[in-house]
Each structure stands twice: as structure tokens, then as C-alpha cells.
Amino acid sequence: MLNEEPQWVAVYVEPRAEKQVALRLSNQKIENYLPLVRRLTKWSDRLKMTEKPLFPGYLFAKITKRDVVRVRDTKGAVFIIGWNRQPAVIPENEIAFVRAMLAQEREVEVRNENELHKGARVRIKAGEFQNLEGTLVSEGDKSKFVLKIAVLNTCFVTTIDKDLLQVLTPETMKKTQP
């Protein structure tokens, strides 16, 4: 639930309008984040490197309760993702994780969470993503770490060294809780 401090929300936008809506929100002095990935796109006569939204149809805005109407009234914005007429807040660390992953230019993909096989809950033990939790999905001899962004019903997937992962059990979860 939004309060007086700015918090991240997901904004669903019209098809292929992510960049225009991000610009309009910026013009209104509303902080926003549109994660973009570079992809090789095949056109009829050539291949071209293009930037595409990581989450097609969505962008993130950092807003307060007072900003909700301005965001909803922005041309191209369809609605703010939420439940019971309340915008759903996305934790700051999930936005930071997406930014960090894209800044490293790691190969990433987004999958609908229903496409993923259920696996063990894991926590990263070391490195810059230390203490982030997610799900481990094994495909062949690769380990993939998944961070679920519940509001969008999507998952962020990347390869993580198995040695950096700790399987979470009820006992290990109790040890880390305050």
C-alpha cells in the first residue's frame, strides 16, 4: 500500500508505448525505470541491434499516494498493477537487482512464472547479490537463479555459480530472521 514516501509500482502501458510513457512521466517529474535489453533483431533486409523492454508492456514508477492519479492520467498508461484498488508496492531491492543485472550486461531473460519448474528456495551467500532469495531451476549442468517479481507474475532468470547458493530450509530461514 502506498504512503507518503515514494515507492515503486508497476505501470501497465499500451502496446509498444513503454518508452513514450517513460518520457511523459519524466516530463511530469515522476521518477520511473524502464529496463531495456539489447537484442539482435532480424529485419527483412538486415540484422540490427535494438533496445527492447525487458518486461514488455510494463514500466516502473516511484510514486506517492498523491501521484497515482497523475500516473493513471498519463497518455499511454493503462493502469497501475494492484489488488483491491490499491497499487501493489515493489520492494526497492527488487528494482535494484534488475538494475544491477542489466548493468553487468549479463544474459537475462524473462519468463512467465508458470513456465518455470518448481525448485528449491535459495539464497545467494556471497558477492554483490548476497542475501537475495529466489528459486533454483536446474537445466542440464547449468544453475539458474530466479527472482520472482510477484506483481508482474514474471521471473528474472540468470546463471549463478552453484557454490554461491545456499538452499533454504526452515532451520536456515529461522537463523536469518531478526
Protein backbone atom coordinates (compact mmCIF):
# COMPACT_ATOMS: atom_id res chain seq x y z
CA MET A 1 0.00 0.00 0.00
CA LEU A 2 1.36 3.39 -0.96
CA ASN A 3 2.14 6.03 1.64
CA GLU A 4 3.72 9.50 1.70
CA GLU A 5 7.21 8.19 0.88
CA PRO A 6 7.81 7.40 -2.82
CA GLN A 7 7.57 3.68 -3.55
CA TRP A 8 7.93 1.60 -6.72
CA VAL A 9 4.87 0.36 -8.58
CA ALA A 10 4.42 -1.37 -11.92
CA VAL A 11 2.51 0.51 -14.61
CA TYR A 12 0.86 -1.41 -17.43
CA VAL A 13 1.02 0.56 -20.69
CA GLU A 14 -0.41 0.37 -24.18
CA PRO A 15 1.37 -1.99 -26.58
CA ARG A 16 4.80 -0.69 -27.66
CA ALA A 17 4.31 2.57 -25.69
CA GLU A 18 6.80 1.90 -22.89
CA LYS A 19 9.40 4.47 -24.00
CA GLN A 20 6.81 7.19 -24.70
CA VAL A 21 5.13 6.72 -21.31
CA ALA A 22 8.52 6.75 -19.56
CA LEU A 23 9.31 10.07 -21.26
CA ARG A 24 5.92 11.54 -20.34
CA LEU A 25 6.36 10.52 -16.70
CA SER A 26 9.85 12.04 -16.65
CA ASN A 27 8.41 15.28 -18.08
CA GLN A 28 5.98 15.30 -15.13
CA LYS A 29 8.97 14.88 -12.73
CA ILE A 30 7.84 11.36 -11.80
CA GLU A 31 10.81 9.02 -11.29
CA ASN A 32 10.47 5.94 -13.45
CA TYR A 33 12.52 3.00 -14.66
CA LEU A 34 12.14 1.18 -17.96
CA PRO A 35 14.56 -1.76 -18.03
CA LEU A 36 15.82 -2.19 -21.59
CA VAL A 37 17.85 -5.04 -23.09
CA ARG A 38 19.78 -5.05 -26.33
CA ARG A 39 18.62 -7.71 -28.78
CA LEU A 40 19.65 -8.61 -32.30
CA THR A 41 16.54 -8.13 -34.42
CA LYS A 42 16.13 -9.62 -37.88
CA TRP A 43 14.56 -7.26 -40.37
CA SER A 44 13.65 -8.28 -43.91
CA ASP A 45 16.94 -7.00 -45.34
CA ARG A 46 19.38 -6.97 -42.38
CA LEU A 47 20.12 -7.64 -38.74
CA LYS A 48 20.01 -4.71 -36.35
CA MET A 49 20.79 -4.29 -32.64
CA THR A 50 17.73 -2.80 -30.92
CA GLU A 51 16.72 -1.97 -27.36
CA LYS A 52 13.57 -3.72 -26.20
CA PRO A 53 11.78 -3.56 -22.84
CA LEU A 54 12.78 -6.39 -20.50
CA PHE A 55 9.14 -6.56 -19.36
CA PRO A 56 7.07 -5.78 -22.48
CA GLY A 57 4.01 -3.72 -21.58
CA TYR A 58 5.33 -2.56 -18.21
CA LEU A 59 7.50 0.09 -16.64
CA PHE A 60 8.15 1.05 -13.04
CA ALA A 61 7.31 4.37 -11.39
CA LYS A 62 8.35 5.60 -7.96
CA ILE A 63 5.32 7.43 -6.61
CA THR A 64 3.39 8.51 -3.54
CA LYS A 65 -0.38 8.34 -2.98
CA ARG A 66 -0.68 11.85 -4.43
CA ASP A 67 0.92 10.75 -7.75
CA VAL A 68 -1.48 7.89 -8.52
CA VAL A 69 -3.97 10.00 -10.48
CA ARG A 70 -1.22 11.73 -12.48
CA VAL A 71 0.26 8.37 -13.49
CA ARG A 72 -3.14 6.93 -14.40
CA ASP A 73 -3.94 10.03 -16.48
CA THR A 74 -0.66 9.87 -18.41
CA LYS A 75 -1.30 9.21 -22.10
CA GLY A 76 -0.38 5.59 -22.87
CA ALA A 77 -0.60 4.38 -19.26
CA VAL A 78 -3.43 1.87 -18.88
CA PHE A 79 -3.39 1.11 -15.14
CA ILE A 80 -1.19 0.61 -12.09
CA ILE A 81 -0.87 -3.03 -11.07
CA GLY A 82 -2.53 -3.70 -7.73
CA TRP A 83 -5.12 -5.54 -5.68
CA ASN A 84 -8.40 -4.34 -4.21
CA ARG A 85 -7.98 -0.96 -5.93
CA GLN A 86 -4.67 -0.38 -4.14
CA PRO A 87 -1.38 -0.15 -6.08
CA ALA A 88 0.97 -3.04 -5.30
CA VAL A 89 4.34 -1.85 -3.99
CA ILE A 90 7.51 -3.40 -5.41
CA PRO A 91 10.38 -3.60 -2.90
CA GLU A 92 13.34 -1.31 -3.63
CA ASN A 93 15.76 -4.27 -3.56
CA GLU A 94 13.95 -5.97 -6.47
CA ILE A 95 14.31 -2.86 -8.64
CA ALA A 96 17.97 -2.60 -7.56
CA PHE A 97 18.50 -6.25 -8.52
CA VAL A 98 17.12 -5.69 -12.03
CA ARG A 99 19.29 -2.56 -12.44
CA ALA A 100 22.39 -4.43 -11.25
CA MET A 101 21.78 -7.39 -13.53
CA LEU A 102 21.34 -5.17 -16.58
CA ALA A 103 24.35 -3.01 -15.65
CA GLN A 104 26.54 -6.12 -15.69
CA GLU A 105 25.29 -6.92 -19.19
CA ARG A 106 24.59 -10.49 -18.15
CA GLU A 107 22.48 -12.58 -20.46
CA VAL A 108 19.00 -12.45 -18.95
CA GLU A 109 15.55 -13.49 -19.98
CA VAL A 110 12.10 -13.02 -18.51
CA ARG A 111 9.73 -15.93 -18.24
CA ASN A 112 6.17 -16.19 -17.06
CA GLU A 113 6.42 -17.85 -13.65
CA ASN A 114 4.05 -20.60 -14.76
CA GLU A 115 6.67 -21.73 -17.30
CA LEU A 116 9.25 -22.38 -14.60
CA HIS A 117 9.75 -25.70 -12.90
CA LYS A 118 9.39 -25.55 -9.17
CA GLY A 119 12.71 -25.84 -7.38
CA ALA A 120 14.44 -25.23 -4.10
CA ARG A 121 14.27 -21.82 -2.43
CA VAL A 122 17.82 -20.48 -2.33
CA ARG A 123 19.79 -17.51 -1.02
CA ILE A 124 22.95 -16.09 -2.59
CA LYS A 125 25.73 -16.44 0.02
CA ALA A 126 28.35 -14.04 -1.33
CA GLY A 127 29.02 -11.33 -3.89
CA GLU A 128 27.13 -8.19 -4.75
CA PHE A 129 23.77 -10.02 -4.72
CA GLN A 130 24.41 -11.52 -1.28
CA ASN A 131 21.23 -12.41 0.66
CA LEU A 132 18.89 -12.17 -2.33
CA GLU A 133 16.49 -15.09 -2.30
CA GLY A 134 14.89 -16.88 -5.19
CA THR A 135 14.29 -20.27 -6.75
CA LEU A 136 16.86 -22.58 -8.28
CA VAL A 137 15.99 -24.06 -11.64
CA SER A 138 18.43 -26.68 -12.97
CA GLU A 139 18.64 -27.13 -16.70
CA GLY A 140 21.35 -29.62 -17.67
CA ASP A 141 24.58 -28.77 -15.90
CA LYS A 142 23.74 -25.06 -15.54
CA SER A 143 22.32 -23.46 -12.42
CA LYS A 144 19.81 -20.71 -12.91
CA PHE A 145 18.73 -18.31 -10.20
CA VAL A 146 15.21 -16.91 -10.40
CA LEU A 147 13.97 -13.74 -8.69
CA LYS A 148 10.19 -13.60 -8.73
CA ILE A 149 8.60 -10.19 -9.19
CA ALA A 150 5.19 -11.17 -7.92
CA VAL A 151 3.31 -8.11 -9.08
CA LEU A 152 4.11 -8.79 -12.71
CA ASN A 153 3.74 -12.58 -12.49
CA THR A 154 7.19 -12.84 -14.05
CA CYS A 155 10.59 -14.12 -13.05
CA PHE A 156 14.08 -12.74 -13.65
CA VAL A 157 16.47 -15.53 -14.67
CA THR A 158 20.29 -15.63 -14.79
CA THR A 159 23.08 -18.14 -14.28
CA ILE A 160 24.71 -18.18 -10.83
CA ASP A 161 27.62 -20.35 -9.66
CA LYS A 162 26.22 -23.21 -7.54
CA ASP A 163 28.86 -22.58 -4.88
CA LEU A 164 27.30 -19.17 -4.14
CA LEU A 165 23.88 -20.64 -3.39
CA GLN A 166 22.57 -21.88 -0.04
CA VAL A 167 19.42 -23.98 0.00
CA LEU A 168 16.88 -22.51 2.39
CA THR A 169 15.34 -24.86 4.92
CA PRO A 170 13.05 -23.95 7.81
CA GLU A 171 16.14 -24.04 10.06
CA THR A 172 18.27 -21.71 7.90
CA MET A 173 15.37 -19.31 7.45
CA LYS A 174 14.91 -19.03 11.24
CA LYS A 175 18.62 -18.22 11.71
CA THR A 176 18.44 -15.22 9.39
CA GLN A 177 15.20 -13.72 10.68
CA PRO A 178 15.53 -10.79 13.10
